[in-house]
C-alpha atoms as a PDB file:
ATOM      1  CA  MET A   1     101.128 105.688  97.224  1.00  0.00           C
ATOM      2  CA  THR A   2      97.448 105.550  98.083  1.00  0.00           C
ATOM      3  CA  LEU A   3      95.469 102.511  99.142  1.00  0.00           C
ATOM      4  CA  LEU A   4      93.750 102.344  95.744  1.00  0.00           C
ATOM      5  CA  GLU A   5      97.119 102.011  93.978  1.00  0.00           C
ATOM      6  CA  THR A   6      97.976  98.762  95.799  1.00  0.00           C
ATOM      7  CA  SER A   7      97.238  95.308  94.468  1.00  0.00           C
ATOM      8  CA  PHE A   8      94.412  93.266  95.955  1.00  0.00           C
ATOM      9  CA  GLY A   9      95.409  91.139  98.931  1.00  0.00           C
ATOM     10  CA  SER A  10      98.842  92.688  99.510  1.00  0.00           C
ATOM     11  CA  ASN A  11      99.613  93.914 103.010  1.00  0.00           C
ATOM     12  CA  VAL A  12     100.413  97.603 103.382  1.00  0.00           C
ATOM     13  CA  LYS A  13     101.131  99.857 106.354  1.00  0.00           C
ATOM     14  CA  VAL A  14      99.073 103.023 106.853  1.00  0.00           C
ATOM     15  CA  MET A  15     101.423 106.019 106.811  1.00  0.00           C
ATOM     16  CA  ASN A  16      99.169 109.078 106.749  1.00  0.00           C
ATOM     17  CA  LEU A  17      95.472 109.755 107.339  1.00  0.00           C
ATOM     18  CA  ASP A  18      95.649 113.564 107.278  1.00  0.00           C
ATOM     19  CA  ASN A  19      93.777 113.858 103.969  1.00  0.00           C
ATOM     20  CA  VAL A  20      90.816 111.817 105.242  1.00  0.00           C
ATOM     21  CA  HIS A  21      87.845 113.749 106.678  1.00  0.00           C
ATOM     22  CA  ALA A  22      88.013 114.063 110.476  1.00  0.00           C
ATOM     23  CA  LEU A  23      84.793 112.115 111.128  1.00  0.00           C
ATOM     24  CA  VAL A  24      85.867 109.273 108.838  1.00  0.00           C
ATOM     25  CA  ARG A  25      89.320 109.240 110.471  1.00  0.00           C
ATOM     26  CA  ARG A  26      87.661 108.954 113.886  1.00  0.00           C
ATOM     27  CA  ARG A  27      85.451 106.042 112.781  1.00  0.00           C
ATOM     28  CA  LEU A  28      88.382 104.266 111.146  1.00  0.00           C
ATOM     29  CA  GLY A  29      90.345 104.729 114.365  1.00  0.00           C
ATOM     30  CA  ASP A  30      87.494 103.173 116.337  1.00  0.00           C
ATOM     31  CA  LEU A  31      87.734 100.151 114.012  1.00  0.00           C
ATOM     32  CA  GLY A  32      91.525  99.894 114.421  1.00  0.00           C
ATOM     33  CA  VAL A  33      92.680 101.644 111.236  1.00  0.00           C
ATOM     34  CA  MET A  34      95.287 104.182 112.331  1.00  0.00           C
ATOM     35  CA  GLU A  35      98.782 105.234 111.315  1.00  0.00           C
ATOM     36  CA  GLY A  36     101.133 102.280 111.616  1.00  0.00           C
ATOM     37  CA  SER A  37      98.481  99.569 111.298  1.00  0.00           C
ATOM     38  CA  VAL A  38      98.736  96.895 108.607  1.00  0.00           C
ATOM     39  CA  ILE A  39      95.757  96.593 106.256  1.00  0.00           C
ATOM     40  CA  SER A  40      95.027  95.051 102.870  1.00  0.00           C
ATOM     41  CA  LEU A  41      92.700  96.025 100.038  1.00  0.00           C
ATOM     42  CA  ARG A  42      90.376  93.090  99.373  1.00  0.00           C
ATOM     43  CA  LYS A  43      87.743  94.261  96.874  1.00  0.00           C
ATOM     44  CA  ALA A  44      86.761  97.312  94.870  1.00  0.00           C
ATOM     45  CA  MET A  45      83.233  97.452  93.542  1.00  0.00           C
ATOM     46  CA  PRO A  46      82.710  98.509  89.931  1.00  0.00           C
ATOM     47  CA  PHE A  47      81.414 101.876  88.742  1.00  0.00           C
ATOM     48  CA  GLY A  48      83.094 103.848  91.529  1.00  0.00           C
ATOM     49  CA  GLY A  49      81.507 101.850  94.344  1.00  0.00           C
ATOM     50  CA  PRO A  50      82.986 101.216  97.781  1.00  0.00           C
ATOM     51  CA  CYS A  51      86.207  99.374  98.589  1.00  0.00           C
ATOM     52  CA  THR A  52      86.606  96.617 101.144  1.00  0.00           C
ATOM     53  CA  ILE A  53      89.681  96.533 103.360  1.00  0.00           C
ATOM     54  CA  GLU A  54      90.795  93.935 105.883  1.00  0.00           C
ATOM     55  CA  ILE A  55      92.406  94.642 109.230  1.00  0.00           C
ATOM     56  CA  LYS A  56      93.045  91.911 111.795  1.00  0.00           C
ATOM     57  CA  GLY A  57      90.522  89.583 110.137  1.00  0.00           C
ATOM     58  CA  GLN A  58      87.765  92.204 110.060  1.00  0.00           C
ATOM     59  CA  TRP A  59      86.453  93.422 106.696  1.00  0.00           C
ATOM     60  CA  ILE A  60      85.366  97.053 106.443  1.00  0.00           C
ATOM     61  CA  ALA A  61      83.725  98.806 103.480  1.00  0.00           C
ATOM     62  CA  ILE A  62      84.769 102.405 102.900  1.00  0.00           C
ATOM     63  CA  ARG A  63      84.071 104.924 100.148  1.00  0.00           C
ATOM     64  CA  ARG A  64      86.462 104.887  97.216  1.00  0.00           C
ATOM     65  CA  LYS A  65      87.168 108.596  97.827  1.00  0.00           C
ATOM     66  CA  ASP A  66      88.324 107.840 101.375  1.00  0.00           C
ATOM     67  CA  ALA A  67      90.438 104.883 100.233  1.00  0.00           C
ATOM     68  CA  GLY A  68      92.154 107.171  97.738  1.00  0.00           C
ATOM     69  CA  SER A  69      93.038 109.563 100.569  1.00  0.00           C
ATOM     70  CA  ILE A  70      94.820 106.963 102.714  1.00  0.00           C
ATOM     71  CA  LEU A  71      98.585 107.000 102.129  1.00  0.00           C
ATOM     72  CA  VAL A  72     100.300 103.626 102.572  1.00  0.00           C
ATOM     73  CA  GLU A  73     103.615 101.886 101.994  1.00  0.00           C
ATOM     74  CA  ALA A  74     104.332  98.253 101.181  1.00  0.00           C
ATOM     75  CA  VAL A  75     105.275  95.924 104.024  1.00  0.00           C
END
């Protein structure tokens, strides 16, 4: 399932980032989001706006398109 298909606040483990653009994958890696890390979807703005994820207490806003490309599994 993708990150957008999870419920808000539930912890999920990142399984695959291959569908995410290489530059975005690099920036997410710099912020600690990589395969095997545990994240949670916190907010999704209306009208196709960005999504906010939390990793290790840090909140990061990413594009909805990128959040839909991140494959995760429930923890």
